[in-house]
Amino acid sequence: QLQLVESGGGLVQPGGSLRLSCVASGSMPDLYVIGWFRQAPGKGREGVSCVSSSGENTKFADSAKGRFTISKDKAKNTVYLQMNSLKPEDTAVYFCAAVLDLGFGYHLRPAEYNYWGQGTQVTVSS
């Protein structure tokens, strides 16, 4: 079992930045791919970014490329999503999720992830 807890959401003006954190605990958290997903009102859940268990491999959705970065602090079992140049369309509940890293590739399909956090709200508005 793995537990995930997100934090760092809030209200920010367009063009601003936020850093989300996802702390993993439980059984061998360092063996998992950690992904960030988001869900806006009335929309489905979409992948934003993910990082491999080693921290060496990352993937970004087109909407995040050039604006978001993802990093992993192994000592703290924490994955960060740094979001810059935020836009109103980035407004959503952001979730982190985990799937065991089998080394077969890294994807942003929500159905592939087994463990989910409770989410943190990000609102981009002036």
Protein backbone atom coordinates (compact mmCIF):
# COMPACT_ATOMS: atom_id res chain seq x y z
CA GLN A 1 0.00 0.00 0.00
CA LEU A 2 1.09 3.51 -0.77
CA GLN A 3 -0.24 6.78 0.58
CA LEU A 4 0.09 10.05 -1.31
CA VAL A 5 -0.49 13.53 0.08
CA GLU A 6 -0.45 16.64 -2.10
CA SER A 7 0.05 20.21 -0.98
CA GLY A 8 0.94 23.60 -2.40
CA GLY A 9 -2.20 24.56 -4.25
CA GLY A 10 -3.79 27.97 -4.00
CA LEU A 11 -4.92 31.09 -5.79
CA VAL A 12 -2.44 32.75 -8.14
CA GLN A 13 -2.67 35.45 -10.75
CA PRO A 14 -2.10 34.68 -14.44
CA GLY A 15 1.61 34.54 -15.14
CA GLY A 16 2.39 33.50 -11.59
CA SER A 17 3.96 30.34 -10.21
CA LEU A 18 3.15 27.58 -7.78
CA ARG A 19 5.03 24.54 -6.57
CA LEU A 20 3.02 21.45 -5.74
CA SER A 21 4.39 18.70 -3.52
CA CYS A 22 3.48 15.04 -3.35
CA VAL A 23 4.74 13.06 -0.37
CA ALA A 24 4.67 9.29 -0.69
CA SER A 25 4.65 6.94 2.27
CA GLY A 26 4.02 3.28 2.89
CA SER A 27 5.51 0.24 1.24
CA MET A 28 8.70 1.04 -0.72
CA PRO A 29 7.62 4.40 -2.17
CA ASP A 30 10.91 4.71 -4.05
CA LEU A 31 9.85 1.97 -6.50
CA TYR A 32 7.00 3.94 -8.06
CA VAL A 33 6.43 6.23 -11.00
CA ILE A 34 4.78 9.38 -9.70
CA GLY A 35 2.44 11.27 -11.98
CA TRP A 36 0.61 14.55 -11.73
CA PHE A 37 -2.91 14.80 -13.10
CA ARG A 38 -5.55 17.49 -13.06
CA GLN A 39 -9.29 17.72 -13.38
CA ALA A 40 -11.15 20.91 -14.18
CA PRO A 41 -14.87 21.28 -13.47
CA GLY A 42 -16.93 19.35 -16.00
CA LYS A 43 -13.88 17.77 -17.61
CA GLY A 44 -12.11 14.47 -17.42
CA ARG A 45 -8.89 13.82 -15.60
CA GLU A 46 -5.82 14.56 -17.71
CA GLY A 47 -2.16 13.81 -17.28
CA VAL A 48 0.26 16.65 -16.71
CA SER A 49 3.65 15.11 -15.99
CA CYS A 50 5.33 12.06 -14.51
CA VAL A 51 8.74 11.04 -13.22
CA SER A 52 10.30 7.61 -12.99
CA SER A 53 11.32 5.97 -9.74
CA SER A 54 14.95 6.92 -10.35
CA GLY A 55 14.03 10.50 -11.15
CA GLU A 56 15.94 10.28 -14.42
CA ASN A 57 13.00 9.97 -16.81
CA THR A 58 10.21 12.48 -17.13
CA LYS A 59 7.25 13.08 -19.39
CA PHE A 60 5.10 16.14 -19.94
CA ALA A 61 1.78 16.80 -21.58
CA ASP A 62 1.91 19.32 -24.40
CA SER A 63 0.04 21.81 -22.22
CA ALA A 64 2.84 21.65 -19.63
CA LYS A 65 5.92 21.66 -21.82
CA GLY A 66 8.09 24.71 -21.38
CA ARG A 67 6.16 25.92 -18.32
CA PHE A 68 6.19 23.06 -15.79
CA THR A 69 9.05 21.05 -14.39
CA ILE A 70 8.98 17.92 -12.27
CA SER A 71 11.59 16.79 -9.80
CA LYS A 72 12.08 14.18 -7.13
CA ASP A 73 13.74 14.33 -3.73
CA LYS A 74 14.48 10.70 -2.95
CA ALA A 75 15.50 11.38 0.62
CA LYS A 76 12.12 12.93 1.35
CA ASN A 77 10.05 10.62 -0.91
CA THR A 78 8.65 13.79 -2.39
CA VAL A 79 7.90 14.79 -5.97
CA TYR A 80 7.54 18.43 -6.89
CA LEU A 81 5.66 20.01 -9.76
CA GLN A 82 6.91 23.52 -10.41
CA MET A 83 4.37 25.44 -12.43
CA ASN A 84 5.36 28.72 -14.04
CA SER A 85 3.58 31.13 -16.39
CA LEU A 86 0.25 29.87 -15.13
CA LYS A 87 -2.87 30.47 -17.20
CA PRO A 88 -6.55 30.52 -16.26
CA GLU A 89 -6.97 27.24 -18.13
CA ASP A 90 -4.58 25.61 -15.66
CA THR A 91 -7.29 25.97 -13.02
CA ALA A 92 -8.13 22.49 -11.73
CA VAL A 93 -7.79 20.08 -8.87
CA TYR A 94 -4.33 18.57 -9.13
CA PHE A 95 -3.73 14.99 -8.06
CA CYS A 96 -0.59 12.96 -7.72
CA ALA A 97 -0.74 9.27 -8.42
CA ALA A 98 1.60 6.29 -8.40
CA VAL A 99 2.21 3.10 -10.31
CA LEU A 100 4.96 0.55 -9.82
CA ASP A 101 7.92 1.31 -12.08
CA LEU A 102 8.51 -1.71 -14.30
CA GLY A 103 10.77 0.16 -16.68
CA PHE A 104 8.50 -0.34 -19.69
CA GLY A 105 7.88 3.31 -20.42
CA TYR A 106 6.20 6.22 -18.76
CA HIS A 107 2.71 7.31 -19.57
CA LEU A 108 0.12 9.82 -18.50
CA ARG A 109 -2.93 7.61 -18.69
CA PRO A 110 -4.88 7.85 -15.42
CA ALA A 111 -6.17 4.28 -15.69
CA GLU A 112 -2.63 2.95 -15.36
CA TYR A 113 -2.09 4.45 -11.91
CA ASN A 114 -3.08 2.52 -8.82
CA TYR A 115 -2.70 4.95 -5.95
CA TRP A 116 -4.08 8.48 -5.74
CA GLY A 117 -3.86 11.41 -3.41
CA GLN A 118 -6.81 13.53 -2.34
CA GLY A 119 -5.96 16.45 -4.62
CA THR A 120 -5.10 20.10 -4.17
CA GLN A 121 -6.95 23.01 -5.77
CA VAL A 122 -5.11 25.37 -8.11
CA THR A 123 -6.96 28.49 -9.19
CA VAL A 124 -5.45 30.92 -11.68
CA SER A 125 -7.41 34.14 -11.73
CA SER A 126 -6.96 37.87 -11.55
